[in-house]
Amino acid sequence: MKIVLALLLLALFSWPCHATEQYAAQTGKSCSACHLDPAGGGELTAEGKAFSASKATPGQAPGVSAPAKAPSVSVPAKASGITAAAKVFRFVIGYIHMLTAILWFGTILYVHLVLKPAYAAGGLPRGEVRVGVLSMAVMGITGIVLTYFRVTSWDMLLHTRFGVLLMIKIGLYLVMVCTAAYVVLFIGPKLKAKRREPATLPQGGDLTIDELASCDGKEGRPAWFAYQGKLYDATASRLWKQGVHMGRHNAGEDLTEALKLAPHGSEKVAMMPAVGALVAQTDRKAPLHERVFFFMAYMNLSIVFLVVLILALWRWA
């Protein structure tokens, strides 16, 4: 994390030269003739520096460049020789890349800020897992294609502000991929195993949140959930088949926060039989896999904000 912050600070204080499109119009060349970044902006090439110096020569007429210093190096074929079909292809890939990022980041923000990570502490929802895996695959493929079109050399990647920010962005993406793979392959099965443990129901039906997790409505177990400190039995409800309501709410959890987003009020919950109360959890250190899960969840949320910061630096810094 310290390395990432250091690179961000380096990028922040590497201010680009402010050029305008009139220079390209005067020379008849594309932006890449004067800029290391084919899209324009940022560090200048040798010719760009010479042209900039010629514009600053005292007594020179406005809009006229010094003949001896006019840029003469040809534009890289990758930047200038792109065909119309390739431009359309690049545009489509960029659109898919941006749309997938919105879908992926939107899901992360919704789960972390609205539902909270505890929503998945009893097992990773299949819908969110599918969205995440598909989004990471599409982002990786489209990102490679866009990098091929945008980055013309290793020098541009390593010594320009755009290149440094791009490498940081790629690094953050790889961190998210690795953490997601670890959660899905190793932590997810342990979270689900917790729900399969047989429940030992205390006298009177009062349960702690850990004991409630076993009443998930699967494999013949009762479908109970907590709402505002009370426990309700949804086993007989046709809307809670296999302990899942509307494909999103799972039995065995405290749904007080989640049901605030439901289209109905608390009267629907009150219609179900109350079977006990949710009692305070005894002091117990959470298992290591649960603590790792919550750490990675909030780490990915932080990465989302960092990636958005990078996009802002590209466009407006």
C-alpha atoms as a PDB file:
ATOM      1  CA  MET A   1       0.000   0.000   0.000  1.00  0.00           C
ATOM      2  CA  LYS A   2       2.893   2.397   0.716  1.00  0.00           C
ATOM      3  CA  ILE A   3       4.292   1.738  -2.765  1.00  0.00           C
ATOM      4  CA  VAL A   4       0.926   2.481  -4.358  1.00  0.00           C
ATOM      5  CA  LEU A   5       0.610   5.761  -2.449  1.00  0.00           C
ATOM      6  CA  ALA A   6       4.144   6.750  -3.418  1.00  0.00           C
ATOM      7  CA  LEU A   7       3.442   6.163  -7.102  1.00  0.00           C
ATOM      8  CA  LEU A   8       0.227   8.145  -6.853  1.00  0.00           C
ATOM      9  CA  LEU A   9       2.114  11.084  -5.310  1.00  0.00           C
ATOM     10  CA  LEU A  10       4.729  10.832  -8.062  1.00  0.00           C
ATOM     11  CA  ALA A  11       2.014  10.984 -10.681  1.00  0.00           C
ATOM     12  CA  LEU A  12       0.299  13.882  -8.952  1.00  0.00           C
ATOM     13  CA  PHE A  13       3.380  16.092  -9.033  1.00  0.00           C
ATOM     14  CA  SER A  14       4.426  15.213 -12.600  1.00  0.00           C
ATOM     15  CA  TRP A  15       2.529  18.077 -14.180  1.00  0.00           C
ATOM     16  CA  PRO A  16       2.105  17.956 -17.968  1.00  0.00           C
ATOM     17  CA  CYS A  17       2.831  20.751 -20.448  1.00  0.00           C
ATOM     18  CA  HIS A  18      -0.298  22.605 -21.469  1.00  0.00           C
ATOM     19  CA  ALA A  19      -0.484  22.555 -25.269  1.00  0.00           C
ATOM     20  CA  THR A  20      -3.369  23.310 -27.603  1.00  0.00           C
ATOM     21  CA  GLU A  21      -4.667  21.775 -30.826  1.00  0.00           C
ATOM     22  CA  GLN A  22      -3.492  24.809 -32.842  1.00  0.00           C
ATOM     23  CA  TYR A  23       0.043  23.423 -32.742  1.00  0.00           C
ATOM     24  CA  ALA A  24      -1.110  20.280 -34.536  1.00  0.00           C
ATOM     25  CA  ALA A  25      -2.964  22.421 -37.063  1.00  0.00           C
ATOM     26  CA  GLN A  26       0.166  24.512 -37.733  1.00  0.00           C
ATOM     27  CA  THR A  27       2.436  21.513 -38.282  1.00  0.00           C
ATOM     28  CA  GLY A  28      -0.067  19.183 -39.937  1.00  0.00           C
ATOM     29  CA  LYS A  29       0.957  16.351 -37.637  1.00  0.00           C
ATOM     30  CA  SER A  30      -0.930  14.364 -35.030  1.00  0.00           C
ATOM     31  CA  CYS A  31      -0.550  14.812 -31.262  1.00  0.00           C
ATOM     32  CA  SER A  32       1.936  11.931 -31.053  1.00  0.00           C
ATOM     33  CA  ALA A  33       4.501  13.941 -33.049  1.00  0.00           C
ATOM     34  CA  CYS A  34       5.037  16.222 -30.053  1.00  0.00           C
ATOM     35  CA  HIS A  35       3.722  14.108 -27.159  1.00  0.00           C
ATOM     36  CA  LEU A  36       4.765  10.712 -25.856  1.00  0.00           C
ATOM     37  CA  ASP A  37       1.073  10.040 -25.270  1.00  0.00           C
ATOM     38  CA  PRO A  38      -0.578   9.538 -28.706  1.00  0.00           C
ATOM     39  CA  ALA A  39      -3.751  11.125 -27.358  1.00  0.00           C
ATOM     40  CA  GLY A  40      -1.892  14.349 -26.564  1.00  0.00           C
ATOM     41  CA  GLY A  41      -0.952  16.023 -23.308  1.00  0.00           C
ATOM     42  CA  GLY A  42       1.738  15.041 -20.853  1.00  0.00           C
ATOM     43  CA  GLU A  43       5.468  14.828 -21.538  1.00  0.00           C
ATOM     44  CA  LEU A  44       6.881  16.128 -24.815  1.00  0.00           C
ATOM     45  CA  THR A  45       9.076  14.349 -27.341  1.00  0.00           C
ATOM     46  CA  ALA A  46      12.330  15.961 -28.509  1.00  0.00           C
ATOM     47  CA  GLU A  47      10.448  17.542 -31.401  1.00  0.00           C
ATOM     48  CA  GLY A  48       7.724  18.729 -29.107  1.00  0.00           C
ATOM     49  CA  LYS A  49      10.270  20.460 -26.912  1.00  0.00           C
ATOM     50  CA  ALA A  50      11.926  22.049 -29.972  1.00  0.00           C
ATOM     51  CA  PHE A  51       8.585  23.285 -31.261  1.00  0.00           C
ATOM     52  CA  SER A  52       7.647  24.617 -27.815  1.00  0.00           C
ATOM     53  CA  ALA A  53      10.991  26.467 -27.649  1.00  0.00           C
ATOM     54  CA  SER A  54      10.424  27.937 -31.113  1.00  0.00           C
ATOM     55  CA  LYS A  55       7.045  29.307 -30.013  1.00  0.00           C
ATOM     56  CA  ALA A  56       8.734  31.042 -27.110  1.00  0.00           C
ATOM     57  CA  THR A  57      11.440  32.727 -29.242  1.00  0.00           C
ATOM     58  CA  PRO A  58      11.342  36.537 -28.660  1.00  0.00           C
ATOM     59  CA  GLY A  59      10.192  38.568 -31.651  1.00  0.00           C
ATOM     60  CA  GLN A  60       8.774  35.620 -33.552  1.00  0.00           C
ATOM     61  CA  ALA A  61       5.476  36.260 -35.305  1.00  0.00           C
ATOM     62  CA  PRO A  62       2.482  34.568 -33.672  1.00  0.00           C
ATOM     63  CA  GLY A  63       1.435  31.310 -35.311  1.00  0.00           C
ATOM     64  CA  VAL A  64       4.696  30.954 -37.323  1.00  0.00           C
ATOM     65  CA  SER A  65       7.141  28.286 -36.341  1.00  0.00           C
ATOM     66  CA  ALA A  66      10.879  28.483 -36.873  1.00  0.00           C
ATOM     67  CA  PRO A  67      11.709  26.477 -40.021  1.00  0.00           C
ATOM     68  CA  ALA A  68      14.924  25.100 -38.526  1.00  0.00           C
ATOM     69  CA  LYS A  69      13.094  23.731 -35.525  1.00  0.00           C
ATOM     70  CA  ALA A  70       9.903  22.417 -37.114  1.00  0.00           C
ATOM     71  CA  PRO A  71       9.131  18.799 -36.243  1.00  0.00           C
ATOM     72  CA  SER A  72      10.182  16.371 -38.944  1.00  0.00           C
ATOM     73  CA  VAL A  73      10.048  12.920 -37.404  1.00  0.00           C
ATOM     74  CA  SER A  74       7.297  10.721 -38.779  1.00  0.00           C
ATOM     75  CA  VAL A  75       4.389   9.735 -36.575  1.00  0.00           C
ATOM     76  CA  PRO A  76       4.536   6.143 -35.244  1.00  0.00           C
ATOM     77  CA  ALA A  77       2.534   3.803 -37.463  1.00  0.00           C
ATOM     78  CA  LYS A  78       0.628   2.446 -34.494  1.00  0.00           C
ATOM     79  CA  ALA A  79      -0.689   5.920 -33.643  1.00  0.00           C
ATOM     80  CA  SER A  80      -1.210   7.445 -37.096  1.00  0.00           C
ATOM     81  CA  GLY A  81      -1.777   4.458 -39.365  1.00  0.00           C
ATOM     82  CA  ILE A  82      -4.828   3.079 -37.592  1.00  0.00           C
ATOM     83  CA  THR A  83      -7.641   2.280 -40.005  1.00  0.00           C
ATOM     84  CA  ALA A  84     -11.242   3.402 -39.698  1.00  0.00           C
ATOM     85  CA  ALA A  85     -12.310  -0.170 -38.891  1.00  0.00           C
ATOM     86  CA  ALA A  86      -9.706  -0.342 -36.131  1.00  0.00           C
ATOM     87  CA  LYS A  87     -10.979   2.936 -34.681  1.00  0.00           C
ATOM     88  CA  VAL A  88     -14.526   1.575 -34.580  1.00  0.00           C
ATOM     89  CA  PHE A  89     -13.265  -1.629 -32.969  1.00  0.00           C
ATOM     90  CA  ARG A  90     -11.335   0.364 -30.354  1.00  0.00           C
ATOM     91  CA  PHE A  91     -14.408   2.459 -29.619  1.00  0.00           C
ATOM     92  CA  VAL A  92     -16.596  -0.632 -29.114  1.00  0.00           C
ATOM     93  CA  ILE A  93     -14.005  -2.237 -26.841  1.00  0.00           C
ATOM     94  CA  GLY A  94     -13.706   0.975 -24.832  1.00  0.00           C
ATOM     95  CA  TYR A  95     -17.480   1.188 -24.463  1.00  0.00           C
ATOM     96  CA  ILE A  96     -17.674  -2.414 -23.218  1.00  0.00           C
ATOM     97  CA  HIS A  97     -14.769  -1.750 -20.842  1.00  0.00           C
ATOM     98  CA  MET A  98     -16.474   1.304 -19.333  1.00  0.00           C
ATOM     99  CA  LEU A  99     -19.890  -0.363 -19.132  1.00  0.00           C
ATOM    100  CA  THR A 100     -18.446  -3.406 -17.378  1.00  0.00           C
ATOM    101  CA  ALA A 101     -16.578  -1.179 -14.905  1.00  0.00           C
ATOM    102  CA  ILE A 102     -19.831   0.601 -14.032  1.00  0.00           C
ATOM    103  CA  LEU A 103     -21.618  -2.723 -13.487  1.00  0.00           C
ATOM    104  CA  TRP A 104     -18.770  -4.231 -11.434  1.00  0.00           C
ATOM    105  CA  PHE A 105     -18.043  -1.190  -9.289  1.00  0.00           C
ATOM    106  CA  GLY A 106     -21.750  -0.497  -8.849  1.00  0.00           C
ATOM    107  CA  THR A 107     -22.261  -4.007  -7.470  1.00  0.00           C
ATOM    108  CA  ILE A 108     -19.338  -3.585  -5.066  1.00  0.00           C
ATOM    109  CA  LEU A 109     -20.619  -0.237  -3.811  1.00  0.00           C
ATOM    110  CA  TYR A 110     -24.166  -1.569  -3.382  1.00  0.00           C
ATOM    111  CA  VAL A 111     -23.097  -4.671  -1.460  1.00  0.00           C
ATOM    112  CA  HIS A 112     -20.597  -2.835   0.753  1.00  0.00           C
ATOM    113  CA  LEU A 113     -22.420   0.421   1.454  1.00  0.00           C
ATOM    114  CA  VAL A 114     -26.072  -0.668   1.377  1.00  0.00           C
ATOM    115  CA  LEU A 115     -26.226  -4.367   2.259  1.00  0.00           C
ATOM    116  CA  LYS A 116     -22.913  -4.417   4.190  1.00  0.00           C
ATOM    117  CA  PRO A 117     -20.394  -7.316   3.951  1.00  0.00           C
ATOM    118  CA  ALA A 118     -22.249  -9.195   6.720  1.00  0.00           C
ATOM    119  CA  TYR A 119     -24.851  -9.856   4.011  1.00  0.00           C
ATOM    120  CA  ALA A 120     -22.480 -12.462   2.535  1.00  0.00           C
ATOM    121  CA  ALA A 121     -20.919 -13.670   5.784  1.00  0.00           C
ATOM    122  CA  GLY A 122     -23.127 -16.757   5.731  1.00  0.00           C
ATOM    123  CA  GLY A 123     -22.095 -17.692   2.197  1.00  0.00           C
ATOM    124  CA  LEU A 124     -21.338 -15.822  -1.023  1.00  0.00           C
ATOM    125  CA  PRO A 125     -24.507 -15.121  -3.064  1.00  0.00           C
ATOM    126  CA  ARG A 126     -24.259 -16.770  -6.477  1.00  0.00           C
ATOM    127  CA  GLY A 127     -25.521 -13.702  -8.317  1.00  0.00           C
ATOM    128  CA  GLU A 128     -22.787 -11.417  -6.984  1.00  0.00           C
ATOM    129  CA  VAL A 129     -20.121 -14.069  -7.617  1.00  0.00           C
ATOM    130  CA  ARG A 130     -21.199 -14.440 -11.259  1.00  0.00           C
ATOM    131  CA  VAL A 131     -21.227 -10.691 -11.817  1.00  0.00           C
ATOM    132  CA  GLY A 132     -17.780 -10.331 -10.256  1.00  0.00           C
ATOM    133  CA  VAL A 133     -16.123 -13.183 -12.175  1.00  0.00           C
ATOM    134  CA  LEU A 134     -17.636 -12.160 -15.525  1.00  0.00           C
ATOM    135  CA  SER A 135     -16.742  -8.504 -14.947  1.00  0.00           C
ATOM    136  CA  MET A 136     -13.122  -9.299 -14.084  1.00  0.00           C
ATOM    137  CA  ALA A 137     -12.756 -11.441 -17.217  1.00  0.00           C
ATOM    138  CA  VAL A 138     -14.252  -8.784 -19.511  1.00  0.00           C
ATOM    139  CA  MET A 139     -12.246  -5.981 -17.856  1.00  0.00           C
ATOM    140  CA  GLY A 140      -9.017  -7.941 -18.315  1.00  0.00           C
ATOM    141  CA  ILE A 141      -9.585  -8.746 -21.993  1.00  0.00           C
ATOM    142  CA  THR A 142     -10.801  -5.279 -22.990  1.00  0.00           C
ATOM    143  CA  GLY A 143      -8.070  -3.640 -20.914  1.00  0.00           C
ATOM    144  CA  ILE A 144      -5.368  -5.557 -22.815  1.00  0.00           C
ATOM    145  CA  VAL A 145      -6.845  -4.481 -26.161  1.00  0.00           C
ATOM    146  CA  LEU A 146      -7.105  -0.823 -25.132  1.00  0.00           C
ATOM    147  CA  THR A 147      -3.546  -0.829 -23.771  1.00  0.00           C
ATOM    148  CA  TYR A 148      -2.283  -2.193 -27.089  1.00  0.00           C
ATOM    149  CA  PHE A 149      -3.907   0.696 -28.956  1.00  0.00           C
ATOM    150  CA  ARG A 150      -2.864   3.386 -26.454  1.00  0.00           C
ATOM    151  CA  VAL A 151       0.668   2.462 -25.367  1.00  0.00           C
ATOM    152  CA  THR A 152       3.227   2.796 -28.152  1.00  0.00           C
ATOM    153  CA  SER A 153       6.414   1.942 -26.231  1.00  0.00           C
ATOM    154  CA  TRP A 154       7.841   0.846 -22.912  1.00  0.00           C
ATOM    155  CA  ASP A 155       9.253   4.333 -22.515  1.00  0.00           C
ATOM    156  CA  MET A 156       5.751   5.774 -22.601  1.00  0.00           C
ATOM    157  CA  LEU A 157       4.565   3.199 -20.076  1.00  0.00           C
ATOM    158  CA  LEU A 158       7.428   3.763 -17.645  1.00  0.00           C
ATOM    159  CA  HIS A 159       8.211   7.471 -17.975  1.00  0.00           C
ATOM    160  CA  THR A 160       4.935   9.261 -18.564  1.00  0.00           C
ATOM    161  CA  ARG A 161       2.309  10.209 -16.074  1.00  0.00           C
ATOM    162  CA  PHE A 162      -0.309   8.318 -18.067  1.00  0.00           C
ATOM    163  CA  GLY A 163       1.878   5.193 -18.074  1.00  0.00           C
ATOM    164  CA  VAL A 164       2.558   5.307 -14.321  1.00  0.00           C
ATOM    165  CA  LEU A 165      -1.134   5.716 -13.535  1.00  0.00           C
ATOM    166  CA  LEU A 166      -1.973   2.906 -15.946  1.00  0.00           C
ATOM    167  CA  MET A 167       0.455   0.552 -14.196  1.00  0.00           C
ATOM    168  CA  ILE A 168      -1.038   1.458 -10.828  1.00  0.00           C
ATOM    169  CA  LYS A 169      -4.511   0.788 -12.198  1.00  0.00           C
ATOM    170  CA  ILE A 170      -3.420  -2.593 -13.568  1.00  0.00           C
ATOM    171  CA  GLY A 171      -1.800  -3.452 -10.233  1.00  0.00           C
ATOM    172  CA  LEU A 172      -4.988  -2.621  -8.337  1.00  0.00           C
ATOM    173  CA  TYR A 173      -6.995  -4.729 -10.790  1.00  0.00           C
ATOM    174  CA  LEU A 174      -4.687  -7.712 -10.231  1.00  0.00           C
ATOM    175  CA  VAL A 175      -5.030  -7.319  -6.456  1.00  0.00           C
ATOM    176  CA  MET A 176      -8.820  -7.430  -6.810  1.00  0.00           C
ATOM    177  CA  VAL A 177      -8.614 -10.520  -9.033  1.00  0.00           C
ATOM    178  CA  CYS A 178      -6.341 -12.357  -6.596  1.00  0.00           C
ATOM    179  CA  THR A 179      -8.446 -11.514  -3.542  1.00  0.00           C
ATOM    180  CA  ALA A 180     -11.659 -12.476  -5.360  1.00  0.00           C
ATOM    181  CA  ALA A 181     -10.170 -15.827  -6.384  1.00  0.00           C
ATOM    182  CA  TYR A 182      -9.047 -16.500  -2.812  1.00  0.00           C
ATOM    183  CA  VAL A 183     -12.461 -15.605  -1.380  1.00  0.00           C
ATOM    184  CA  VAL A 184     -14.394 -17.715  -3.905  1.00  0.00           C
ATOM    185  CA  LEU A 185     -12.124 -20.772  -3.761  1.00  0.00           C
ATOM    186  CA  PHE A 186     -11.164 -20.892  -0.082  1.00  0.00           C
ATOM    187  CA  ILE A 187     -13.220 -18.569   2.116  1.00  0.00           C
ATOM    188  CA  GLY A 188     -16.588 -19.086   0.419  1.00  0.00           C
ATOM    189  CA  PRO A 189     -16.770 -22.845   1.144  1.00  0.00           C
ATOM    190  CA  LYS A 190     -15.917 -22.197   4.812  1.00  0.00           C
ATOM    191  CA  LEU A 191     -18.674 -19.594   5.091  1.00  0.00           C
ATOM    192  CA  LYS A 192     -21.171 -22.045   3.618  1.00  0.00           C
ATOM    193  CA  ALA A 193     -19.972 -24.845   5.909  1.00  0.00           C
ATOM    194  CA  LYS A 194     -20.897 -22.706   8.887  1.00  0.00           C
ATOM    195  CA  ARG A 195     -24.496 -22.651   7.704  1.00  0.00           C
ATOM    196  CA  ARG A 196     -24.592 -26.455   7.459  1.00  0.00           C
ATOM    197  CA  GLU A 197     -23.650 -27.040  11.081  1.00  0.00           C
ATOM    198  CA  PRO A 198     -26.537 -28.588  13.025  1.00  0.00           C
ATOM    199  CA  ALA A 199     -28.370 -26.127  15.207  1.00  0.00           C
ATOM    200  CA  THR A 200     -28.796 -26.699  18.899  1.00  0.00           C
ATOM    201  CA  LEU A 201     -31.921 -24.718  19.739  1.00  0.00           C
ATOM    202  CA  PRO A 202     -31.928 -23.446  23.350  1.00  0.00           C
ATOM    203  CA  GLN A 203     -35.038 -23.656  25.484  1.00  0.00           C
ATOM    204  CA  GLY A 204     -37.631 -21.122  24.386  1.00  0.00           C
ATOM    205  CA  GLY A 205     -36.135 -20.685  20.888  1.00  0.00           C
ATOM    206  CA  ASP A 206     -33.900 -17.712  21.719  1.00  0.00           C
ATOM    207  CA  LEU A 207     -30.802 -17.773  19.509  1.00  0.00           C
ATOM    208  CA  THR A 208     -27.590 -15.889  19.018  1.00  0.00           C
ATOM    209  CA  ILE A 209     -26.681 -14.741  15.528  1.00  0.00           C
ATOM    210  CA  ASP A 210     -24.284 -17.687  15.165  1.00  0.00           C
ATOM    211  CA  GLU A 211     -26.943 -20.201  16.186  1.00  0.00           C
ATOM    212  CA  LEU A 212     -29.448 -18.564  13.845  1.00  0.00           C
ATOM    213  CA  ALA A 213     -27.117 -19.183  10.880  1.00  0.00           C
ATOM    214  CA  SER A 214     -27.944 -22.895  11.014  1.00  0.00           C
ATOM    215  CA  CYS A 215     -31.677 -22.250  10.565  1.00  0.00           C
ATOM    216  CA  ASP A 216     -31.263 -21.563   6.853  1.00  0.00           C
ATOM    217  CA  GLY A 217     -34.185 -23.588   5.483  1.00  0.00           C
ATOM    218  CA  LYS A 218     -32.014 -26.016   3.547  1.00  0.00           C
ATOM    219  CA  GLU A 219     -31.811 -29.814   3.786  1.00  0.00           C
ATOM    220  CA  GLY A 220     -34.828 -29.975   6.067  1.00  0.00           C
ATOM    221  CA  ARG A 221     -33.666 -27.309   8.506  1.00  0.00           C
ATOM    222  CA  PRO A 222     -36.130 -24.598   9.610  1.00  0.00           C
ATOM    223  CA  ALA A 223     -36.108 -21.244   7.821  1.00  0.00           C
ATOM    224  CA  TRP A 224     -35.829 -18.642  10.548  1.00  0.00           C
ATOM    225  CA  PHE A 225     -34.701 -15.036  10.313  1.00  0.00           C
ATOM    226  CA  ALA A 226     -34.338 -12.144  12.716  1.00  0.00           C
ATOM    227  CA  TYR A 227     -36.094  -8.800  12.402  1.00  0.00           C
ATOM    228  CA  GLN A 228     -35.807  -5.998  14.968  1.00  0.00           C
ATOM    229  CA  GLY A 229     -34.631  -8.372  17.688  1.00  0.00           C
ATOM    230  CA  LYS A 230     -37.281 -11.050  17.139  1.00  0.00           C
ATOM    231  CA  LEU A 231     -37.071 -14.420  15.386  1.00  0.00           C
ATOM    232  CA  TYR A 232     -39.633 -15.400  12.772  1.00  0.00           C
ATOM    233  CA  ASP A 233     -40.323 -18.798  11.202  1.00  0.00           C
ATOM    234  CA  ALA A 234     -40.735 -18.673   7.400  1.00  0.00           C
ATOM    235  CA  THR A 235     -40.488 -22.443   6.877  1.00  0.00           C
ATOM    236  CA  ALA A 236     -44.095 -22.840   5.753  1.00  0.00           C
ATOM    237  CA  SER A 237     -44.128 -19.774   3.482  1.00  0.00           C
ATOM    238  CA  ARG A 238     -44.184 -20.433  -0.246  1.00  0.00           C
ATOM    239  CA  LEU A 239     -42.158 -17.235  -0.681  1.00  0.00           C
ATOM    240  CA  TRP A 240     -39.242 -18.714   1.260  1.00  0.00           C
ATOM    241  CA  LYS A 241     -38.469 -21.875  -0.689  1.00  0.00           C
ATOM    242  CA  GLN A 242     -35.143 -23.401   0.357  1.00  0.00           C
ATOM    243  CA  GLY A 243     -34.753 -20.507   2.795  1.00  0.00           C
ATOM    244  CA  VAL A 244     -34.418 -17.815   0.114  1.00  0.00           C
ATOM    245  CA  HIS A 245     -36.864 -14.947  -0.363  1.00  0.00           C
ATOM    246  CA  MET A 246     -37.123 -13.288  -3.793  1.00  0.00           C
ATOM    247  CA  GLY A 247     -33.730 -14.697  -4.716  1.00  0.00           C
ATOM    248  CA  ARG A 248     -31.895 -12.241  -2.429  1.00  0.00           C
ATOM    249  CA  HIS A 249     -32.756 -12.574   1.266  1.00  0.00           C
ATOM    250  CA  ASN A 250     -31.515 -15.682   3.060  1.00  0.00           C
ATOM    251  CA  ALA A 251     -32.945 -17.316   6.133  1.00  0.00           C
ATOM    252  CA  GLY A 252     -30.575 -17.703   9.045  1.00  0.00           C
ATOM    253  CA  GLU A 253     -29.641 -14.022   9.090  1.00  0.00           C
ATOM    254  CA  ASP A 254     -30.658 -10.777  10.737  1.00  0.00           C
ATOM    255  CA  LEU A 255     -32.628  -9.032   7.968  1.00  0.00           C
ATOM    256  CA  THR A 256     -33.480  -5.848   9.852  1.00  0.00           C
ATOM    257  CA  GLU A 257     -31.352  -3.650   7.565  1.00  0.00           C
ATOM    258  CA  ALA A 258     -32.031  -5.592   4.381  1.00  0.00           C
ATOM    259  CA  LEU A 259     -35.824  -5.451   4.779  1.00  0.00           C
ATOM    260  CA  LYS A 260     -35.704  -1.658   4.907  1.00  0.00           C
ATOM    261  CA  LEU A 261     -35.234  -1.882   1.152  1.00  0.00           C
ATOM    262  CA  ALA A 262     -38.207  -4.211   0.667  1.00  0.00           C
ATOM    263  CA  PRO A 263     -41.308  -2.950  -1.205  1.00  0.00           C
ATOM    264  CA  HIS A 264     -43.514  -3.956   1.737  1.00  0.00           C
ATOM    265  CA  GLY A 265     -43.632  -2.872   5.342  1.00  0.00           C
ATOM    266  CA  SER A 266     -43.101  -4.745   8.594  1.00  0.00           C
ATOM    267  CA  GLU A 267     -46.721  -5.973   8.533  1.00  0.00           C
ATOM    268  CA  LYS A 268     -45.691  -8.805   6.178  1.00  0.00           C
ATOM    269  CA  VAL A 269     -43.079  -9.956   8.656  1.00  0.00           C
ATOM    270  CA  ALA A 270     -45.523  -9.746  11.580  1.00  0.00           C
ATOM    271  CA  MET A 271     -47.827 -12.201   9.769  1.00  0.00           C
ATOM    272  CA  MET A 272     -45.258 -14.965  10.279  1.00  0.00           C
ATOM    273  CA  PRO A 273     -45.051 -16.910  13.530  1.00  0.00           C
ATOM    274  CA  ALA A 274     -42.654 -15.406  16.080  1.00  0.00           C
ATOM    275  CA  VAL A 275     -40.551 -18.187  17.607  1.00  0.00           C
ATOM    276  CA  GLY A 276     -38.167 -16.405  19.918  1.00  0.00           C
ATOM    277  CA  ALA A 277     -35.755 -13.542  20.279  1.00  0.00           C
ATOM    278  CA  LEU A 278     -32.310 -12.728  18.993  1.00  0.00           C
ATOM    279  CA  VAL A 279     -30.058 -12.679  22.054  1.00  0.00           C
ATOM    280  CA  ALA A 280     -26.710 -10.966  22.467  1.00  0.00           C
ATOM    281  CA  GLN A 281     -23.719 -12.794  21.116  1.00  0.00           C
ATOM    282  CA  THR A 282     -21.351 -14.042  23.759  1.00  0.00           C
ATOM    283  CA  ASP A 283     -17.840 -12.659  23.499  1.00  0.00           C
ATOM    284  CA  ARG A 284     -16.165 -14.785  20.886  1.00  0.00           C
ATOM    285  CA  LYS A 285     -13.364 -14.042  18.496  1.00  0.00           C
ATOM    286  CA  ALA A 286     -14.502 -14.496  14.924  1.00  0.00           C
ATOM    287  CA  PRO A 287     -12.798 -17.314  12.999  1.00  0.00           C
ATOM    288  CA  LEU A 288      -9.784 -16.320  10.925  1.00  0.00           C
ATOM    289  CA  HIS A 289     -11.549 -16.893   7.602  1.00  0.00           C
ATOM    290  CA  GLU A 290     -14.341 -14.493   8.610  1.00  0.00           C
ATOM    291  CA  ARG A 291     -11.880 -11.802   9.605  1.00  0.00           C
ATOM    292  CA  VAL A 292      -9.989 -12.239   6.345  1.00  0.00           C
ATOM    293  CA  PHE A 293     -13.271 -12.028   4.434  1.00  0.00           C
ATOM    294  CA  PHE A 294     -14.232  -8.691   6.012  1.00  0.00           C
ATOM    295  CA  PHE A 295     -10.706  -7.308   5.523  1.00  0.00           C
ATOM    296  CA  MET A 296     -10.691  -8.199   1.823  1.00  0.00           C
ATOM    297  CA  ALA A 297     -14.205  -6.861   1.369  1.00  0.00           C
ATOM    298  CA  TYR A 298     -13.308  -3.408   2.644  1.00  0.00           C
ATOM    299  CA  MET A 299      -9.941  -3.495   0.883  1.00  0.00           C
ATOM    300  CA  ASN A 300     -11.707  -3.996  -2.460  1.00  0.00           C
ATOM    301  CA  LEU A 301     -14.030  -1.116  -1.620  1.00  0.00           C
ATOM    302  CA  SER A 302     -10.964   1.090  -1.055  1.00  0.00           C
ATOM    303  CA  ILE A 303      -9.494  -0.057  -4.371  1.00  0.00           C
ATOM    304  CA  VAL A 304     -12.664   1.021  -6.166  1.00  0.00           C
ATOM    305  CA  PHE A 305     -12.208   4.565  -4.834  1.00  0.00           C
ATOM    306  CA  LEU A 306      -8.519   4.520  -5.843  1.00  0.00           C
ATOM    307  CA  VAL A 307      -9.350   3.459  -9.405  1.00  0.00           C
ATOM    308  CA  VAL A 308     -11.929   6.238  -9.688  1.00  0.00           C
ATOM    309  CA  LEU A 309      -9.252   8.652  -8.390  1.00  0.00           C
ATOM    310  CA  ILE A 310      -6.912   7.520 -11.168  1.00  0.00           C
ATOM    311  CA  LEU A 311      -9.596   8.167 -13.776  1.00  0.00           C
ATOM    312  CA  ALA A 312     -10.085  11.649 -12.353  1.00  0.00           C
ATOM    313  CA  LEU A 313      -6.325  12.292 -12.510  1.00  0.00           C
ATOM    314  CA  TRP A 314      -6.265  11.226 -16.158  1.00  0.00           C
ATOM    315  CA  ARG A 315      -9.031  13.587 -17.124  1.00  0.00           C
ATOM    316  CA  TRP A 316      -8.882  16.622 -14.867  1.00  0.00           C
ATOM    317  CA  ALA A 317      -5.689  16.835 -12.793  1.00  0.00           C
END
